[in-house]
Amino acid sequence: MGVDVDGTRVIFCYAYSPGSAYKQTLYTALLDKRGFRKMQAPEAVEQLHEEAKRTGLFAPAGRELKCLIDRAFTDAEMDSLVTWCESVAQAIREHAGPSGPPPG
């Protein structure tokens, strides 16, 4: 998952299918060198990382977080996940500025 910023795709989550080695999972890319880290906004990254953990859906996965999709989520959980994704997308747009993300 990512956001297009002036023609550059800024990744904030990777999705893996049920048959992958990671099972059906979303992995954040907040610290990934190709992802949100390019925005060079450490405060925003830290805040989004904490917000993801507060959803109760994400668990630590090295430096990043993972959301294992091994059951049906409740409507409230889905709303929480979508709201978090929208927050990340908005933060990327805000920190990209008019000239897009810094070169990475």
PDB file of N, CA and C in Angstrom:
ATOM      1  N   MET A   1       0.850  -1.171   0.000  1.00  0.00           N
ATOM      2  CA  MET A   1       0.000   0.000   0.000  1.00  0.00           C
ATOM      3  C   MET A   1       0.889   1.225   0.000  1.00  0.00           C
ATOM      4  N   GLY A   2       0.456   2.217  -0.690  1.00  0.00           N
ATOM      5  CA  GLY A   2       1.238   3.432  -0.747  1.00  0.00           C
ATOM      6  C   GLY A   2       0.433   4.598  -1.265  1.00  0.00           C
ATOM      7  N   VAL A   3       1.114   5.719  -1.347  1.00  0.00           N
ATOM      8  CA  VAL A   3       0.511   6.965  -1.798  1.00  0.00           C
ATOM      9  C   VAL A   3       1.355   7.508  -2.936  1.00  0.00           C
ATOM     10  N   ASP A   4       0.704   7.992  -3.975  1.00  0.00           N
ATOM     11  CA  ASP A   4       1.419   8.627  -5.077  1.00  0.00           C
ATOM     12  C   ASP A   4       1.647  10.092  -4.719  1.00  0.00           C
ATOM     13  N   VAL A   5       2.914  10.507  -4.736  1.00  0.00           N
ATOM     14  CA  VAL A   5       3.272  11.895  -4.457  1.00  0.00           C
ATOM     15  C   VAL A   5       4.037  12.406  -5.660  1.00  0.00           C
ATOM     16  N   ASP A   6       3.378  13.198  -6.464  1.00  0.00           N
ATOM     17  CA  ASP A   6       4.000  13.773  -7.653  1.00  0.00           C
ATOM     18  C   ASP A   6       4.692  12.723  -8.514  1.00  0.00           C
ATOM     19  N   GLY A   7       4.032  11.591  -8.697  1.00  0.00           N
ATOM     20  CA  GLY A   7       4.557  10.542  -9.557  1.00  0.00           C
ATOM     21  C   GLY A   7       5.489   9.552  -8.879  1.00  0.00           C
ATOM     22  N   THR A   8       5.762   9.742  -7.588  1.00  0.00           N
ATOM     23  CA  THR A   8       6.598   8.817  -6.832  1.00  0.00           C
ATOM     24  C   THR A   8       5.719   8.053  -5.856  1.00  0.00           C
ATOM     25  N   ARG A   9       5.825   6.739  -5.870  1.00  0.00           N
ATOM     26  CA  ARG A   9       5.043   5.904  -4.957  1.00  0.00           C
ATOM     27  C   ARG A   9       5.765   5.810  -3.622  1.00  0.00           C
ATOM     28  N   VAL A  10       5.107   6.234  -2.545  1.00  0.00           N
ATOM     29  CA  VAL A  10       5.661   6.156  -1.199  1.00  0.00           C
ATOM     30  C   VAL A  10       4.916   5.031  -0.484  1.00  0.00           C
ATOM     31  N   ILE A  11       5.631   3.958  -0.213  1.00  0.00           N
ATOM     32  CA  ILE A  11       5.061   2.752   0.382  1.00  0.00           C
ATOM     33  C   ILE A  11       4.938   2.913   1.896  1.00  0.00           C
ATOM     34  N   PHE A  12       3.802   2.457   2.470  1.00  0.00           N
ATOM     35  CA  PHE A  12       3.693   2.452   3.919  1.00  0.00           C
ATOM     36  C   PHE A  12       3.296   1.090   4.483  1.00  0.00           C
ATOM     37  N   CYS A  13       2.908   0.144   3.633  1.00  0.00           N
ATOM     38  CA  CYS A  13       2.577  -1.217   4.075  1.00  0.00           C
ATOM     39  C   CYS A  13       2.798  -2.191   2.936  1.00  0.00           C
ATOM     40  N   TYR A  14       3.264  -3.374   3.294  1.00  0.00           N
ATOM     41  CA  TYR A  14       3.360  -4.480   2.340  1.00  0.00           C
ATOM     42  C   TYR A  14       2.313  -5.504   2.729  1.00  0.00           C
ATOM     43  N   ALA A  15       1.607  -6.048   1.761  1.00  0.00           N
ATOM     44  CA  ALA A  15       0.590  -7.071   2.015  1.00  0.00           C
ATOM     45  C   ALA A  15       1.074  -8.401   1.459  1.00  0.00           C
ATOM     46  N   TYR A  16       0.939  -9.438   2.258  1.00  0.00           N
ATOM     47  CA  TYR A  16       1.348 -10.781   1.859  1.00  0.00           C
ATOM     48  C   TYR A  16       0.127 -11.689   1.824  1.00  0.00           C
ATOM     49  N   SER A  17       0.096 -12.579   0.865  1.00  0.00           N
ATOM     50  CA  SER A  17      -1.040 -13.484   0.677  1.00  0.00           C
ATOM     51  C   SER A  17      -0.966 -14.648   1.666  1.00  0.00           C
ATOM     52  N   PRO A  18      -2.081 -15.372   1.844  1.00  0.00           N
ATOM     53  CA  PRO A  18      -2.100 -16.487   2.795  1.00  0.00           C
ATOM     54  C   PRO A  18      -1.053 -17.561   2.498  1.00  0.00           C
ATOM     55  N   GLY A  19      -0.678 -17.752   1.250  1.00  0.00           N
ATOM     56  CA  GLY A  19       0.282 -18.785   0.895  1.00  0.00           C
ATOM     57  C   GLY A  19       1.737 -18.384   1.020  1.00  0.00           C
ATOM     58  N   SER A  20       1.999 -17.149   1.402  1.00  0.00           N
ATOM     59  CA  SER A  20       3.393 -16.697   1.495  1.00  0.00           C
ATOM     60  C   SER A  20       4.045 -17.206   2.783  1.00  0.00           C
ATOM     61  N   ALA A  21       5.350 -17.068   2.855  1.00  0.00           N
ATOM     62  CA  ALA A  21       6.092 -17.467   4.053  1.00  0.00           C
ATOM     63  C   ALA A  21       5.656 -16.644   5.274  1.00  0.00           C
ATOM     64  N   TYR A  22       5.133 -15.445   5.022  1.00  0.00           N
ATOM     65  CA  TYR A  22       4.698 -14.558   6.107  1.00  0.00           C
ATOM     66  C   TYR A  22       3.233 -14.764   6.478  1.00  0.00           C
ATOM     67  N   LYS A  23       2.575 -15.702   5.808  1.00  0.00           N
ATOM     68  CA  LYS A  23       1.133 -15.926   5.934  1.00  0.00           C
ATOM     69  C   LYS A  23       0.400 -14.675   5.445  1.00  0.00           C
ATOM     70  N   GLN A  24      -0.887 -14.570   5.693  1.00  0.00           N
ATOM     71  CA  GLN A  24      -1.629 -13.390   5.248  1.00  0.00           C
ATOM     72  C   GLN A  24      -1.397 -12.284   6.276  1.00  0.00           C
ATOM     73  N   THR A  25      -0.576 -11.329   5.884  1.00  0.00           N
ATOM     74  CA  THR A  25      -0.100 -10.323   6.828  1.00  0.00           C
ATOM     75  C   THR A  25       0.087  -8.981   6.150  1.00  0.00           C
ATOM     76  N   LEU A  26      -0.107  -7.908   6.928  1.00  0.00           N
ATOM     77  CA  LEU A  26       0.300  -6.566   6.523  1.00  0.00           C
ATOM     78  C   LEU A  26       1.538  -6.222   7.345  1.00  0.00           C
ATOM     79  N   TYR A  27       2.593  -5.791   6.681  1.00  0.00           N
ATOM     80  CA  TYR A  27       3.797  -5.332   7.364  1.00  0.00           C
ATOM     81  C   TYR A  27       3.932  -3.843   7.099  1.00  0.00           C
ATOM     82  N   THR A  28       4.139  -3.078   8.172  1.00  0.00           N
ATOM     83  CA  THR A  28       4.339  -1.647   7.984  1.00  0.00           C
ATOM     84  C   THR A  28       5.665  -1.400   7.283  1.00  0.00           C
ATOM     85  N   ALA A  29       5.765  -0.265   6.642  1.00  0.00           N
ATOM     86  CA  ALA A  29       7.007   0.163   5.995  1.00  0.00           C
ATOM     87  C   ALA A  29       7.318   1.592   6.428  1.00  0.00           C
ATOM     88  N   LEU A  30       7.015   1.879   7.696  1.00  0.00           N
ATOM     89  CA  LEU A  30       7.241   3.229   8.194  1.00  0.00           C
ATOM     90  C   LEU A  30       8.715   3.579   8.275  1.00  0.00           C
ATOM     91  N   LEU A  31       9.548   2.583   8.485  1.00  0.00           N
ATOM     92  CA  LEU A  31      10.985   2.824   8.604  1.00  0.00           C
ATOM     93  C   LEU A  31      11.752   2.342   7.381  1.00  0.00           C
ATOM     94  N   ASP A  32      11.049   1.765   6.435  1.00  0.00           N
ATOM     95  CA  ASP A  32      11.650   1.220   5.219  1.00  0.00           C
ATOM     96  C   ASP A  32      12.284   2.342   4.395  1.00  0.00           C
ATOM     97  N   LYS A  33      13.475   2.093   3.880  1.00  0.00           N
ATOM     98  CA  LYS A  33      14.176   3.142   3.123  1.00  0.00           C
ATOM     99  C   LYS A  33      13.437   3.548   1.855  1.00  0.00           C
ATOM    100  N   ARG A  34      12.542   2.694   1.351  1.00  0.00           N
ATOM    101  CA  ARG A  34      11.760   3.055   0.168  1.00  0.00           C
ATOM    102  C   ARG A  34      10.414   3.638   0.548  1.00  0.00           C
ATOM    103  N   GLY A  35      10.101   3.622   1.821  1.00  0.00           N
ATOM    104  CA  GLY A  35       8.776   4.020   2.258  1.00  0.00           C
ATOM    105  C   GLY A  35       8.738   5.361   2.941  1.00  0.00           C
ATOM    106  N   PHE A  36       7.949   5.426   3.980  1.00  0.00           N
ATOM    107  CA  PHE A  36       7.673   6.691   4.657  1.00  0.00           C
ATOM    108  C   PHE A  36       8.940   7.339   5.199  1.00  0.00           C
ATOM    109  N   ARG A  37       9.932   6.563   5.534  1.00  0.00           N
ATOM    110  CA  ARG A  37      11.178   7.129   6.058  1.00  0.00           C
ATOM    111  C   ARG A  37      11.731   8.188   5.116  1.00  0.00           C
ATOM    112  N   LYS A  38      11.433   8.060   3.831  1.00  0.00           N
ATOM    113  CA  LYS A  38      11.902   9.047   2.861  1.00  0.00           C
ATOM    114  C   LYS A  38      11.376  10.441   3.169  1.00  0.00           C
ATOM    115  N   MET A  39      10.294  10.516   3.944  1.00  0.00           N
ATOM    116  CA  MET A  39       9.709  11.817   4.250  1.00  0.00           C
ATOM    117  C   MET A  39      10.547  12.571   5.276  1.00  0.00           C
ATOM    118  N   GLN A  40      11.458  11.870   5.939  1.00  0.00           N
ATOM    119  CA  GLN A  40      12.337  12.478   6.918  1.00  0.00           C
ATOM    120  C   GLN A  40      11.541  13.262   7.964  1.00  0.00           C
ATOM    121  N   ALA A  41      10.537  12.595   8.521  1.00  0.00           N
ATOM    122  CA  ALA A  41       9.685  13.188   9.543  1.00  0.00           C
ATOM    123  C   ALA A  41       9.608  12.221  10.722  1.00  0.00           C
ATOM    124  N   PRO A  42      10.685  12.140  11.529  1.00  0.00           N
ATOM    125  CA  PRO A  42      10.729  11.128  12.583  1.00  0.00           C
ATOM    126  C   PRO A  42       9.589  11.229  13.592  1.00  0.00           C
ATOM    127  N   GLU A  43       9.129  12.439  13.894  1.00  0.00           N
ATOM    128  CA  GLU A  43       8.036  12.589  14.851  1.00  0.00           C
ATOM    129  C   GLU A  43       6.764  11.964  14.301  1.00  0.00           C
ATOM    130  N   ALA A  44       6.494  12.190  13.035  1.00  0.00           N
ATOM    131  CA  ALA A  44       5.298  11.637  12.408  1.00  0.00           C
ATOM    132  C   ALA A  44       5.382  10.121  12.335  1.00  0.00           C
ATOM    133  N   VAL A  45       6.550   9.595  12.023  1.00  0.00           N
ATOM    134  CA  VAL A  45       6.731   8.142  11.938  1.00  0.00           C
ATOM    135  C   VAL A  45       6.496   7.516  13.302  1.00  0.00           C
ATOM    136  N   GLU A  46       7.064   8.107  14.336  1.00  0.00           N
ATOM    137  CA  GLU A  46       6.891   7.578  15.691  1.00  0.00           C
ATOM    138  C   GLU A  46       5.418   7.599  16.099  1.00  0.00           C
ATOM    139  N   GLN A  47       4.737   8.690  15.808  1.00  0.00           N
ATOM    140  CA  GLN A  47       3.314   8.810  16.152  1.00  0.00           C
ATOM    141  C   GLN A  47       2.490   7.750  15.416  1.00  0.00           C
ATOM    142  N   LEU A  48       2.736   7.562  14.138  1.00  0.00           N
ATOM    143  CA  LEU A  48       1.994   6.567  13.355  1.00  0.00           C
ATOM    144  C   LEU A  48       2.293   5.149  13.817  1.00  0.00           C
ATOM    145  N   HIS A  49       3.522   4.903  14.214  1.00  0.00           N
ATOM    146  CA  HIS A  49       3.923   3.604  14.753  1.00  0.00           C
ATOM    147  C   HIS A  49       3.125   3.320  16.025  1.00  0.00           C
ATOM    148  N   GLU A  50       3.034   4.305  16.908  1.00  0.00           N
ATOM    149  CA  GLU A  50       2.282   4.144  18.159  1.00  0.00           C
ATOM    150  C   GLU A  50       0.790   3.981  17.883  1.00  0.00           C
ATOM    151  N   GLU A  51       0.257   4.740  16.937  1.00  0.00           N
ATOM    152  CA  GLU A  51      -1.163   4.612  16.576  1.00  0.00           C
ATOM    153  C   GLU A  51      -1.464   3.207  16.065  1.00  0.00           C
ATOM    154  N   ALA A  52      -0.567   2.648  15.280  1.00  0.00           N
ATOM    155  CA  ALA A  52      -0.774   1.286  14.768  1.00  0.00           C
ATOM    156  C   ALA A  52      -0.838   0.299  15.928  1.00  0.00           C
ATOM    157  N   LYS A  53       0.064   0.434  16.883  1.00  0.00           N
ATOM    158  CA  LYS A  53       0.059  -0.472  18.031  1.00  0.00           C
ATOM    159  C   LYS A  53      -1.226  -0.326  18.853  1.00  0.00           C
ATOM    160  N   ARG A  54      -1.736   0.913  18.963  1.00  0.00           N
ATOM    161  CA  ARG A  54      -2.959   1.139  19.737  1.00  0.00           C
ATOM    162  C   ARG A  54      -4.192   0.501  19.097  1.00  0.00           C
ATOM    163  N   THR A  55      -4.136   0.181  17.812  1.00  0.00           N
ATOM    164  CA  THR A  55      -5.281  -0.494  17.188  1.00  0.00           C
ATOM    165  C   THR A  55      -5.478  -1.884  17.779  1.00  0.00           C
ATOM    166  N   GLY A  56      -4.413  -2.445  18.354  1.00  0.00           N
ATOM    167  CA  GLY A  56      -4.478  -3.801  18.876  1.00  0.00           C
ATOM    168  C   GLY A  56      -4.311  -4.857  17.799  1.00  0.00           C
ATOM    169  N   LEU A  57      -4.129  -4.432  16.565  1.00  0.00           N
ATOM    170  CA  LEU A  57      -4.001  -5.355  15.434  1.00  0.00           C
ATOM    171  C   LEU A  57      -2.558  -5.610  15.039  1.00  0.00           C
ATOM    172  N   PHE A  58      -1.658  -4.726  15.417  1.00  0.00           N
ATOM    173  CA  PHE A  58      -0.259  -4.825  15.010  1.00  0.00           C
ATOM    174  C   PHE A  58       0.608  -5.313  16.161  1.00  0.00           C
ATOM    175  N   ALA A  59       1.602  -6.114  15.828  1.00  0.00           N
ATOM    176  CA  ALA A  59       2.568  -6.621  16.796  1.00  0.00           C
ATOM    177  C   ALA A  59       3.967  -6.298  16.278  1.00  0.00           C
ATOM    178  N   PRO A  60       4.952  -6.230  17.166  1.00  0.00           N
ATOM    179  CA  PRO A  60       6.321  -5.963  16.725  1.00  0.00           C
ATOM    180  C   PRO A  60       6.819  -7.008  15.724  1.00  0.00           C
ATOM    181  N   ALA A  61       7.571  -6.532  14.742  1.00  0.00           N
ATOM    182  CA  ALA A  61       8.196  -7.401  13.729  1.00  0.00           C
ATOM    183  C   ALA A  61       9.528  -6.764  13.366  1.00  0.00           C
ATOM    184  N   GLY A  62      10.524  -6.979  14.199  1.00  0.00           N
ATOM    185  CA  GLY A  62      11.797  -6.288  13.998  1.00  0.00           C
ATOM    186  C   GLY A  62      11.598  -4.809  14.254  1.00  0.00           C
ATOM    187  N   ARG A  63      12.059  -3.976  13.346  1.00  0.00           N
ATOM    188  CA  ARG A  63      11.871  -2.519  13.472  1.00  0.00           C
ATOM    189  C   ARG A  63      10.463  -2.096  13.074  1.00  0.00           C
ATOM    190  N   GLU A  64       9.786  -2.926  12.330  1.00  0.00           N
ATOM    191  CA  GLU A  64       8.447  -2.603  11.831  1.00  0.00           C
ATOM    192  C   GLU A  64       7.378  -3.303  12.666  1.00  0.00           C
ATOM    193  N   LEU A  65       6.154  -3.254  12.193  1.00  0.00           N
ATOM    194  CA  LEU A  65       5.025  -3.912  12.837  1.00  0.00           C
ATOM    195  C   LEU A  65       4.343  -4.814  11.833  1.00  0.00           C
ATOM    196  N   LYS A  66       3.635  -5.834  12.340  1.00  0.00           N
ATOM    197  CA  LYS A  66       2.889  -6.708  11.439  1.00  0.00           C
ATOM    198  C   LYS A  66       1.475  -6.887  11.973  1.00  0.00           C
ATOM    199  N   CYS A  67       0.562  -7.060  11.047  1.00  0.00           N
ATOM    200  CA  CYS A  67      -0.840  -7.310  11.353  1.00  0.00           C
ATOM    201  C   CYS A  67      -1.184  -8.643  10.700  1.00  0.00           C
ATOM    202  N   LEU A  68      -1.254  -9.687  11.501  1.00  0.00           N
ATOM    203  CA  LEU A  68      -1.563 -11.018  10.993  1.00  0.00           C
ATOM    204  C   LEU A  68      -3.070 -11.119  10.751  1.00  0.00           C
ATOM    205  N   ILE A  69      -3.430 -11.530   9.551  1.00  0.00           N
ATOM    206  CA  ILE A  69      -4.844 -11.654   9.197  1.00  0.00           C
ATOM    207  C   ILE A  69      -5.171 -13.146   9.215  1.00  0.00           C
ATOM    208  N   ASP A  70      -5.475 -13.631  10.414  1.00  0.00           N
ATOM    209  CA  ASP A  70      -5.743 -15.056  10.580  1.00  0.00           C
ATOM    210  C   ASP A  70      -7.166 -15.330  11.074  1.00  0.00           C
ATOM    211  N   ARG A  71      -7.981 -14.278  11.013  1.00  0.00           N
ATOM    212  CA  ARG A  71      -9.378 -14.384  11.423  1.00  0.00           C
ATOM    213  C   ARG A  71     -10.143 -13.222  10.807  1.00  0.00           C
ATOM    214  N   ALA A  72     -11.450 -13.288  10.881  1.00  0.00           N
ATOM    215  CA  ALA A  72     -12.267 -12.172  10.402  1.00  0.00           C
ATOM    216  C   ALA A  72     -12.176 -11.041  11.426  1.00  0.00           C
ATOM    217  N   PHE A  73     -11.907  -9.845  10.952  1.00  0.00           N
ATOM    218  CA  PHE A  73     -11.858  -8.698  11.844  1.00  0.00           C
ATOM    219  C   PHE A  73     -13.278  -8.201  12.103  1.00  0.00           C
ATOM    220  N   THR A  74     -13.488  -7.649  13.271  1.00  0.00           N
ATOM    221  CA  THR A  74     -14.777  -7.034  13.581  1.00  0.00           C
ATOM    222  C   THR A  74     -14.904  -5.737  12.778  1.00  0.00           C
ATOM    223  N   ASP A  75     -16.093  -5.203  12.716  1.00  0.00           N
ATOM    224  CA  ASP A  75     -16.279  -3.922  12.027  1.00  0.00           C
ATOM    225  C   ASP A  75     -15.436  -2.832  12.692  1.00  0.00           C
ATOM    226  N   ALA A  76     -15.373  -2.846  14.013  1.00  0.00           N
ATOM    227  CA  ALA A  76     -14.580  -1.840  14.728  1.00  0.00           C
ATOM    228  C   ALA A  76     -13.094  -1.980  14.398  1.00  0.00           C
ATOM    229  N   GLU A  77     -12.611  -3.212  14.301  1.00  0.00           N
ATOM    230  CA  GLU A  77     -11.205  -3.428  13.946  1.00  0.00           C
ATOM    231  C   GLU A  77     -10.933  -2.966  12.523  1.00  0.00           C
ATOM    232  N   MET A  78     -11.846  -3.260  11.616  1.00  0.00           N
ATOM    233  CA  MET A  78     -11.675  -2.806  10.224  1.00  0.00           C
ATOM    234  C   MET A  78     -11.659  -1.286  10.160  1.00  0.00           C
ATOM    235  N   ASP A  79     -12.578  -0.659  10.885  1.00  0.00           N
ATOM    236  CA  ASP A  79     -12.610   0.809  10.913  1.00  0.00           C
ATOM    237  C   ASP A  79     -11.291   1.361  11.445  1.00  0.00           C
ATOM    238  N   SER A  80     -10.773   0.735  12.489  1.00  0.00           N
ATOM    239  CA  SER A  80      -9.517   1.173  13.086  1.00  0.00           C
ATOM    240  C   SER A  80      -8.359   1.038  12.095  1.00  0.00           C
ATOM    241  N   LEU A  81      -8.326  -0.072  11.374  1.00  0.00           N
ATOM    242  CA  LEU A  81      -7.257  -0.312  10.393  1.00  0.00           C
ATOM    243  C   LEU A  81      -7.348   0.690   9.241  1.00  0.00           C
ATOM    244  N   VAL A  82      -8.545   0.898   8.729  1.00  0.00           N
ATOM    245  CA  VAL A  82      -8.730   1.844   7.621  1.00  0.00           C
ATOM    246  C   VAL A  82      -8.390   3.263   8.077  1.00  0.00           C
ATOM    247  N   THR A  83      -8.818   3.632   9.272  1.00  0.00           N
ATOM    248  CA  THR A  83      -8.514   4.964   9.793  1.00  0.00           C
ATOM    249  C   THR A  83      -7.010   5.155   9.920  1.00  0.00           C
ATOM    250  N   TRP A  84      -6.303   4.118  10.395  1.00  0.00           N
ATOM    251  CA  TRP A  84      -4.850   4.218  10.510  1.00  0.00           C
ATOM    252  C   TRP A  84      -4.213   4.398   9.132  1.00  0.00           C
ATOM    253  N   CYS A  85      -4.648   3.605   8.156  1.00  0.00           N
ATOM    254  CA  CYS A  85      -4.102   3.734   6.790  1.00  0.00           C
ATOM    255  C   CYS A  85      -4.344   5.131   6.235  1.00  0.00           C
ATOM    256  N   GLU A  86      -5.526   5.673   6.466  1.00  0.00           N
ATOM    257  CA  GLU A  86      -5.828   7.027   6.003  1.00  0.00           C
ATOM    258  C   GLU A  86      -4.938   8.056   6.695  1.00  0.00           C
ATOM    259  N   SER A  87      -4.655   7.849   7.987  1.00  0.00           N
ATOM    260  CA  SER A  87      -3.758   8.754   8.723  1.00  0.00           C
ATOM    261  C   SER A  87      -2.352   8.738   8.132  1.00  0.00           C
ATOM    262  N   VAL A  88      -1.883   7.556   7.792  1.00  0.00           N
ATOM    263  CA  VAL A  88      -0.551   7.439   7.196  1.00  0.00           C
ATOM    264  C   VAL A  88      -0.521   8.137   5.841  1.00  0.00           C
ATOM    265  N   ALA A  89      -1.530   7.883   5.026  1.00  0.00           N
ATOM    266  CA  ALA A  89      -1.579   8.508   3.694  1.00  0.00           C
ATOM    267  C   ALA A  89      -1.581  10.031   3.821  1.00  0.00           C
ATOM    268  N   GLN A  90      -2.355  10.549   4.768  1.00  0.00           N
ATOM    269  CA  GLN A  90      -2.409  11.995   4.968  1.00  0.00           C
ATOM    270  C   GLN A  90      -1.061  12.535   5.439  1.00  0.00           C
ATOM    271  N   ALA A  91      -0.419  11.832   6.355  1.00  0.00           N
ATOM    272  CA  ALA A  91       0.896  12.269   6.845  1.00  0.00           C
ATOM    273  C   ALA A  91       1.918  12.294   5.719  1.00  0.00           C
ATOM    274  N   ILE A  92       1.865  11.313   4.849  1.00  0.00           N
ATOM    275  CA  ILE A  92       2.788  11.281   3.711  1.00  0.00           C
ATOM    276  C   ILE A  92       2.560  12.499   2.831  1.00  0.00           C
ATOM    277  N   ARG A  93       1.302  12.780   2.540  1.00  0.00           N
ATOM    278  CA  ARG A  93       0.998  13.958   1.704  1.00  0.00           C
ATOM    279  C   ARG A  93       1.496  15.247   2.367  1.00  0.00           C
ATOM    280  N   GLU A  94       1.283  15.363   3.675  1.00  0.00           N
ATOM    281  CA  GLU A  94       1.693  16.576   4.398  1.00  0.00           C
ATOM    282  C   GLU A  94       3.209  16.752   4.424  1.00  0.00           C
ATOM    283  N   HIS A  95       3.945  15.670   4.614  1.00  0.00           N
ATOM    284  CA  HIS A  95       5.381  15.761   4.756  1.00  0.00           C
ATOM    285  C   HIS A  95       6.131  15.708   3.430  1.00  0.00           C
ATOM    286  N   ALA A  96       5.414  15.397   2.369  1.00  0.00           N
ATOM    287  CA  ALA A  96       6.066  15.365   1.044  1.00  0.00           C
ATOM    288  C   ALA A  96       6.320  16.762   0.540  1.00  0.00           C
ATOM    289  N   GLY A  97       5.431  17.678   0.881  1.00  0.00           N
ATOM    290  CA  GLY A  97       5.586  19.047   0.391  1.00  0.00           C
ATOM    291  C   GLY A  97       5.256  19.138  -1.097  1.00  0.00           C
ATOM    292  N   PRO A  98       5.315  20.324  -1.660  1.00  0.00           N
ATOM    293  CA  PRO A  98       4.921  20.532  -3.051  1.00  0.00           C
ATOM    294  C   PRO A  98       5.848  19.892  -4.065  1.00  0.00           C
ATOM    295  N   SER A  99       7.083  19.592  -3.685  1.00  0.00           N
ATOM    296  CA  SER A  99       8.004  19.013  -4.658  1.00  0.00           C
ATOM    297  C   SER A  99       8.134  17.495  -4.521  1.00  0.00           C
ATOM    298  N   GLY A 100       7.279  16.882  -3.718  1.00  0.00           N
ATOM    299  CA  GLY A 100       7.325  15.446  -3.569  1.00  0.00           C
ATOM    300  C   GLY A 100       8.327  15.013  -2.531  1.00  0.00           C
ATOM    301  N   PRO A 101       8.514  13.692  -2.404  1.00  0.00           N
ATOM    302  CA  PRO A 101       9.417  13.180  -1.376  1.00  0.00           C
ATOM    303  C   PRO A 101      10.870  13.461  -1.728  1.00  0.00           C
ATOM    304  N   PRO A 102      11.711  13.571  -0.702  1.00  0.00           N
ATOM    305  CA  PRO A 102      13.129  13.748  -0.974  1.00  0.00           C
ATOM    306  C   PRO A 102      13.691  12.517  -1.679  1.00  0.00           C
ATOM    307  N   PRO A 103      14.760  12.668  -2.443  1.00  0.00           N
ATOM    308  CA  PRO A 103      15.338  11.503  -3.096  1.00  0.00           C
ATOM    309  C   PRO A 103      15.813  10.492  -2.078  1.00  0.00           C
ATOM    310  N   GLY A 104      15.651   9.213  -2.426  1.00  0.00           N
ATOM    311  CA  GLY A 104      15.938   8.237  -1.415  1.00  0.00           C
ATOM    312  C   GLY A 104      16.990   7.300  -1.670  1.00  0.00           C
TER     313      GLY A 104
END
